[in-house]
N, C-alpha and C. Protein backbone atom coordinates (compact mmCIF):
# COMPACT_ATOMS: atom_id res chain seq x y z
N MET A 1 -9.89 13.00 -34.10
CA MET A 1 -10.88 13.66 -33.28
C MET A 1 -10.30 13.89 -31.88
N ARG A 2 -10.46 15.07 -31.36
CA ARG A 2 -9.91 15.43 -30.06
C ARG A 2 -10.89 15.06 -28.94
N ALA A 3 -10.39 14.35 -27.93
CA ALA A 3 -11.24 13.98 -26.79
C ALA A 3 -11.44 15.20 -25.89
N ARG A 4 -12.63 15.32 -25.37
CA ARG A 4 -12.90 16.41 -24.43
C ARG A 4 -12.50 15.98 -23.03
N TYR A 5 -11.94 16.89 -22.24
CA TYR A 5 -11.46 16.58 -20.90
C TYR A 5 -12.55 15.94 -20.04
N LEU A 6 -13.76 16.44 -20.11
CA LEU A 6 -14.83 15.96 -19.23
C LEU A 6 -15.25 14.54 -19.57
N ASP A 7 -14.88 14.04 -20.72
CA ASP A 7 -15.24 12.68 -21.11
C ASP A 7 -14.23 11.66 -20.59
N LEU A 8 -13.15 12.10 -19.97
CA LEU A 8 -12.08 11.21 -19.56
C LEU A 8 -12.04 11.05 -18.05
N ILE A 9 -11.61 9.89 -17.61
CA ILE A 9 -11.34 9.64 -16.20
C ILE A 9 -9.88 9.22 -16.12
N TYR A 10 -9.05 10.05 -15.53
CA TYR A 10 -7.63 9.74 -15.42
C TYR A 10 -7.39 8.92 -14.17
N LEU A 11 -6.81 7.74 -14.31
CA LEU A 11 -6.57 6.87 -13.17
C LEU A 11 -5.10 6.87 -12.75
N GLY A 12 -4.33 7.78 -13.27
CA GLY A 12 -2.91 7.86 -12.94
C GLY A 12 -2.67 8.71 -11.72
N SER A 13 -1.49 9.27 -11.64
CA SER A 13 -1.10 10.03 -10.46
C SER A 13 -0.85 11.48 -10.82
N LEU A 14 -1.89 12.27 -10.86
CA LEU A 14 -1.78 13.71 -11.05
C LEU A 14 -2.48 14.37 -9.88
N ILE A 15 -2.19 15.62 -9.65
CA ILE A 15 -2.87 16.32 -8.57
C ILE A 15 -4.18 16.88 -9.12
N LEU A 16 -5.15 16.00 -9.19
CA LEU A 16 -6.49 16.35 -9.63
C LEU A 16 -7.46 15.81 -8.60
N GLN A 17 -8.69 16.26 -8.68
CA GLN A 17 -9.72 15.70 -7.80
C GLN A 17 -9.89 14.23 -8.18
N PRO A 18 -9.70 13.31 -7.25
CA PRO A 18 -9.80 11.89 -7.60
C PRO A 18 -11.23 11.49 -7.92
N TYR A 19 -11.36 10.53 -8.80
CA TYR A 19 -12.66 9.96 -9.13
C TYR A 19 -12.94 8.87 -8.11
N VAL A 20 -14.00 9.00 -7.36
CA VAL A 20 -14.34 8.04 -6.31
C VAL A 20 -15.47 7.15 -6.82
N LEU A 21 -15.20 5.85 -6.88
CA LEU A 21 -16.21 4.90 -7.35
C LEU A 21 -17.38 4.84 -6.38
N SER A 22 -18.58 4.55 -6.90
CA SER A 22 -19.76 4.46 -6.05
C SER A 22 -19.62 3.35 -5.01
N ALA A 23 -18.90 2.28 -5.36
CA ALA A 23 -18.68 1.19 -4.40
C ALA A 23 -17.85 1.68 -3.21
N VAL A 24 -16.91 2.59 -3.45
CA VAL A 24 -16.10 3.15 -2.37
C VAL A 24 -16.97 4.02 -1.47
N ARG A 25 -17.84 4.80 -2.07
CA ARG A 25 -18.76 5.64 -1.28
C ARG A 25 -19.67 4.77 -0.39
N LYS A 26 -20.18 3.67 -0.95
CA LYS A 26 -21.05 2.77 -0.18
C LYS A 26 -20.27 2.13 0.97
N ALA A 27 -19.01 1.75 0.72
CA ALA A 27 -18.17 1.17 1.77
C ALA A 27 -17.92 2.19 2.88
N GLU A 28 -17.69 3.45 2.51
CA GLU A 28 -17.50 4.50 3.50
C GLU A 28 -18.73 4.65 4.38
N GLU A 29 -19.91 4.63 3.74
CA GLU A 29 -21.16 4.76 4.49
C GLU A 29 -21.32 3.62 5.49
N LYS A 30 -20.98 2.39 5.07
CA LYS A 30 -21.08 1.24 5.98
C LYS A 30 -20.13 1.39 7.16
N LEU A 31 -18.91 1.86 6.89
CA LEU A 31 -17.95 2.06 7.98
C LEU A 31 -18.41 3.14 8.95
N LEU A 32 -18.92 4.23 8.41
CA LEU A 32 -19.41 5.31 9.28
C LEU A 32 -20.58 4.85 10.14
N ALA A 33 -21.43 4.02 9.58
CA ALA A 33 -22.59 3.51 10.32
C ALA A 33 -22.17 2.64 11.50
N LYS A 34 -21.00 2.02 11.42
CA LYS A 34 -20.52 1.16 12.51
C LYS A 34 -20.02 1.97 13.72
N GLN A 35 -19.75 3.25 13.52
CA GLN A 35 -19.25 4.13 14.57
C GLN A 35 -18.06 3.50 15.31
N LEU A 36 -17.05 3.14 14.54
CA LEU A 36 -15.84 2.52 15.10
C LEU A 36 -15.07 3.52 15.95
N ASP A 37 -14.25 3.01 16.86
CA ASP A 37 -13.44 3.90 17.68
C ASP A 37 -12.32 4.50 16.82
N LYS A 38 -11.66 5.47 17.38
CA LYS A 38 -10.60 6.17 16.64
C LYS A 38 -9.24 5.93 17.29
N GLU A 39 -9.07 4.77 17.89
CA GLU A 39 -7.81 4.44 18.53
C GLU A 39 -6.70 4.29 17.50
N TYR A 40 -5.50 4.65 17.90
CA TYR A 40 -4.34 4.46 17.03
C TYR A 40 -4.01 2.98 16.92
N ALA A 41 -3.57 2.59 15.76
CA ALA A 41 -3.10 1.22 15.56
C ALA A 41 -1.69 1.11 16.16
N PRO A 42 -1.28 -0.09 16.55
CA PRO A 42 0.11 -0.28 17.00
C PRO A 42 1.08 0.16 15.90
N ILE A 43 2.31 0.44 16.26
CA ILE A 43 3.28 1.00 15.32
C ILE A 43 3.51 0.12 14.09
N THR A 44 3.40 -1.20 14.21
CA THR A 44 3.60 -2.07 13.05
C THR A 44 2.29 -2.42 12.35
N GLY A 45 1.18 -1.86 12.81
CA GLY A 45 -0.09 -2.08 12.14
C GLY A 45 -1.09 -2.86 12.98
N VAL A 46 -2.27 -3.03 12.43
CA VAL A 46 -3.34 -3.78 13.09
C VAL A 46 -3.02 -5.27 12.98
N PRO A 47 -2.82 -5.95 14.09
CA PRO A 47 -2.40 -7.36 14.03
C PRO A 47 -3.28 -8.25 13.17
N ALA A 48 -4.60 -8.12 13.27
CA ALA A 48 -5.49 -8.97 12.47
C ALA A 48 -5.32 -8.68 10.98
N PHE A 49 -5.12 -7.41 10.62
CA PHE A 49 -4.91 -7.05 9.22
C PHE A 49 -3.59 -7.64 8.72
N CYS A 50 -2.53 -7.48 9.51
CA CYS A 50 -1.22 -8.00 9.11
C CYS A 50 -1.25 -9.52 8.95
N ARG A 51 -1.89 -10.19 9.88
CA ARG A 51 -2.00 -11.66 9.81
C ARG A 51 -2.77 -12.08 8.56
N SER A 52 -3.88 -11.40 8.29
CA SER A 52 -4.68 -11.71 7.09
C SER A 52 -3.90 -11.44 5.81
N ALA A 53 -3.12 -10.36 5.79
CA ALA A 53 -2.33 -10.03 4.60
C ALA A 53 -1.29 -11.12 4.33
N VAL A 54 -0.64 -11.61 5.37
CA VAL A 54 0.36 -12.67 5.22
C VAL A 54 -0.30 -13.95 4.72
N GLU A 55 -1.45 -14.28 5.30
CA GLU A 55 -2.15 -15.49 4.87
C GLU A 55 -2.63 -15.38 3.43
N LEU A 56 -3.04 -14.19 3.02
CA LEU A 56 -3.46 -13.97 1.63
C LEU A 56 -2.27 -14.13 0.69
N ALA A 57 -1.12 -13.56 1.06
CA ALA A 57 0.06 -13.60 0.20
C ALA A 57 0.71 -14.99 0.14
N TYR A 58 0.77 -15.68 1.26
CA TYR A 58 1.51 -16.94 1.33
C TYR A 58 0.63 -18.18 1.45
N GLY A 59 -0.64 -17.99 1.82
CA GLY A 59 -1.54 -19.12 2.01
C GLY A 59 -1.49 -19.60 3.45
N THR A 60 -2.63 -20.05 3.96
CA THR A 60 -2.70 -20.47 5.35
C THR A 60 -1.93 -21.75 5.62
N ASN A 61 -1.66 -22.53 4.57
CA ASN A 61 -0.94 -23.79 4.74
C ASN A 61 0.57 -23.65 4.59
N SER A 62 1.04 -22.44 4.37
CA SER A 62 2.48 -22.20 4.20
C SER A 62 3.23 -22.53 5.49
N GLU A 63 4.33 -23.25 5.35
CA GLU A 63 5.16 -23.59 6.51
C GLU A 63 5.71 -22.32 7.17
N ALA A 64 6.07 -21.34 6.36
CA ALA A 64 6.60 -20.09 6.92
C ALA A 64 5.54 -19.38 7.75
N VAL A 65 4.29 -19.43 7.31
CA VAL A 65 3.20 -18.83 8.08
C VAL A 65 2.98 -19.60 9.37
N LYS A 66 2.91 -20.92 9.26
CA LYS A 66 2.68 -21.76 10.44
C LYS A 66 3.79 -21.59 11.48
N ASP A 67 5.03 -21.46 11.01
CA ASP A 67 6.18 -21.32 11.92
C ASP A 67 6.42 -19.87 12.35
N GLU A 68 5.58 -18.96 11.89
CA GLU A 68 5.71 -17.52 12.19
C GLU A 68 7.08 -16.97 11.84
N ARG A 69 7.56 -17.32 10.62
CA ARG A 69 8.87 -16.87 10.15
C ARG A 69 8.78 -15.67 9.23
N ILE A 70 7.60 -15.08 9.11
CA ILE A 70 7.42 -13.95 8.20
C ILE A 70 7.23 -12.68 9.02
N ALA A 71 8.07 -11.69 8.75
CA ALA A 71 7.92 -10.38 9.40
C ALA A 71 7.00 -9.53 8.54
N VAL A 72 6.13 -8.80 9.17
CA VAL A 72 5.19 -7.97 8.41
C VAL A 72 4.95 -6.67 9.16
N THR A 73 4.75 -5.62 8.39
CA THR A 73 4.36 -4.33 8.96
C THR A 73 3.35 -3.69 8.01
N GLN A 74 2.53 -2.84 8.52
CA GLN A 74 1.49 -2.17 7.75
C GLN A 74 1.88 -0.70 7.60
N SER A 75 1.67 -0.15 6.42
CA SER A 75 1.92 1.28 6.23
C SER A 75 0.61 1.97 5.88
N ILE A 76 0.60 3.28 5.96
CA ILE A 76 -0.63 4.01 5.68
C ILE A 76 -0.68 4.55 4.25
N SER A 77 0.37 4.31 3.48
CA SER A 77 0.36 4.83 2.12
C SER A 77 1.35 4.06 1.25
N GLY A 78 1.22 4.25 -0.05
CA GLY A 78 2.15 3.62 -0.97
C GLY A 78 3.56 4.15 -0.79
N THR A 79 3.69 5.45 -0.58
CA THR A 79 5.01 6.03 -0.37
C THR A 79 5.60 5.54 0.94
N GLY A 80 4.77 5.42 1.97
CA GLY A 80 5.23 4.88 3.25
C GLY A 80 5.72 3.45 3.10
N ALA A 81 4.99 2.66 2.32
CA ALA A 81 5.39 1.27 2.08
C ALA A 81 6.73 1.21 1.34
N LEU A 82 6.90 2.10 0.37
CA LEU A 82 8.18 2.16 -0.36
C LEU A 82 9.32 2.53 0.58
N ARG A 83 9.05 3.46 1.47
CA ARG A 83 10.08 3.89 2.43
C ARG A 83 10.48 2.73 3.34
N ILE A 84 9.49 2.01 3.87
CA ILE A 84 9.77 0.87 4.75
C ILE A 84 10.57 -0.19 3.99
N GLY A 85 10.12 -0.50 2.77
CA GLY A 85 10.83 -1.49 1.96
C GLY A 85 12.24 -1.06 1.62
N GLY A 86 12.41 0.22 1.29
CA GLY A 86 13.74 0.75 0.97
C GLY A 86 14.68 0.70 2.15
N GLU A 87 14.18 1.06 3.32
CA GLU A 87 14.99 0.98 4.53
C GLU A 87 15.41 -0.46 4.83
N PHE A 88 14.48 -1.38 4.66
CA PHE A 88 14.77 -2.79 4.90
C PHE A 88 15.87 -3.29 3.97
N LEU A 89 15.72 -2.97 2.67
CA LEU A 89 16.74 -3.39 1.69
C LEU A 89 18.10 -2.77 2.00
N ALA A 90 18.09 -1.49 2.33
CA ALA A 90 19.36 -0.80 2.60
C ALA A 90 20.09 -1.37 3.81
N ARG A 91 19.34 -1.79 4.82
CA ARG A 91 19.97 -2.30 6.04
C ARG A 91 20.39 -3.75 5.96
N PHE A 92 19.65 -4.57 5.23
CA PHE A 92 19.86 -6.01 5.32
C PHE A 92 20.33 -6.70 4.04
N TYR A 93 20.44 -5.96 2.93
CA TYR A 93 20.86 -6.58 1.66
C TYR A 93 21.95 -5.76 1.01
N ASP A 94 22.91 -6.45 0.40
CA ASP A 94 23.99 -5.77 -0.30
C ASP A 94 23.58 -5.32 -1.69
N ASN A 95 22.65 -6.03 -2.32
CA ASN A 95 22.21 -5.69 -3.67
C ASN A 95 21.37 -4.41 -3.61
N LYS A 96 21.82 -3.38 -4.29
CA LYS A 96 21.13 -2.09 -4.24
C LYS A 96 20.35 -1.79 -5.52
N VAL A 97 20.02 -2.82 -6.28
CA VAL A 97 19.27 -2.63 -7.52
C VAL A 97 17.78 -2.62 -7.23
N ILE A 98 17.10 -1.60 -7.72
CA ILE A 98 15.65 -1.50 -7.57
C ILE A 98 15.04 -1.39 -8.96
N TYR A 99 14.08 -2.23 -9.25
CA TYR A 99 13.40 -2.20 -10.53
C TYR A 99 12.11 -1.40 -10.39
N VAL A 100 11.93 -0.43 -11.27
CA VAL A 100 10.77 0.45 -11.24
C VAL A 100 10.02 0.26 -12.56
N PRO A 101 8.71 0.03 -12.51
CA PRO A 101 7.96 -0.18 -13.75
C PRO A 101 7.83 1.10 -14.57
N THR A 102 7.54 0.92 -15.83
CA THR A 102 7.27 2.04 -16.73
C THR A 102 5.89 1.83 -17.33
N PRO A 103 4.98 2.73 -17.17
CA PRO A 103 5.10 4.02 -16.47
C PRO A 103 5.01 3.82 -14.96
N THR A 104 5.44 4.87 -14.25
CA THR A 104 5.33 4.88 -12.80
C THR A 104 5.09 6.31 -12.36
N TRP A 105 4.97 6.53 -11.08
CA TRP A 105 4.82 7.87 -10.58
C TRP A 105 6.13 8.30 -9.96
N SER A 106 6.23 9.52 -9.48
CA SER A 106 7.52 10.09 -9.09
C SER A 106 8.03 9.63 -7.73
N GLU A 107 7.16 9.12 -6.85
CA GLU A 107 7.59 8.79 -5.49
C GLU A 107 8.76 7.82 -5.40
N PRO A 108 8.83 6.75 -6.21
CA PRO A 108 9.98 5.85 -6.06
C PRO A 108 11.31 6.55 -6.24
N PHE A 109 11.37 7.52 -7.11
CA PHE A 109 12.63 8.20 -7.38
C PHE A 109 13.03 9.12 -6.23
N CYS A 110 12.07 9.61 -5.47
CA CYS A 110 12.37 10.43 -4.29
C CYS A 110 12.99 9.59 -3.19
N LEU A 111 12.69 8.30 -3.17
CA LEU A 111 13.16 7.43 -2.10
C LEU A 111 14.45 6.70 -2.45
N VAL A 112 14.87 6.73 -3.68
CA VAL A 112 16.07 6.00 -4.10
C VAL A 112 17.31 6.39 -3.30
N PRO A 113 17.54 7.67 -2.98
CA PRO A 113 18.76 8.02 -2.23
C PRO A 113 18.88 7.30 -0.88
N ILE A 114 17.78 6.91 -0.25
CA ILE A 114 17.91 6.24 1.04
C ILE A 114 18.42 4.82 0.89
N VAL A 115 18.19 4.23 -0.28
CA VAL A 115 18.63 2.85 -0.52
C VAL A 115 20.05 2.88 -1.04
């Protein structure tokens, strides 16, 4: 039996109109209601966000967190994060092997030449 296109929700990476969950719409409404300022974040990201991300990843009791030995930066997109990570690896590590999951989207392959 052939599936009809309208019965499917594609969660991959195609240039289609994205499906926006109702929870995302409600979150947007809450943010808009707060009338937050539109100031630019510092170049490495919002400090409170970066600190929270490190604590989430490593735990608040981590010695590396307590000693502030973890460098962190925030990106605005997945491709931006890949670019930052690729630049870091290219500059500071000799191992140039990158593992890419299957399936994946095309962006990692566009960034491979920089590494």
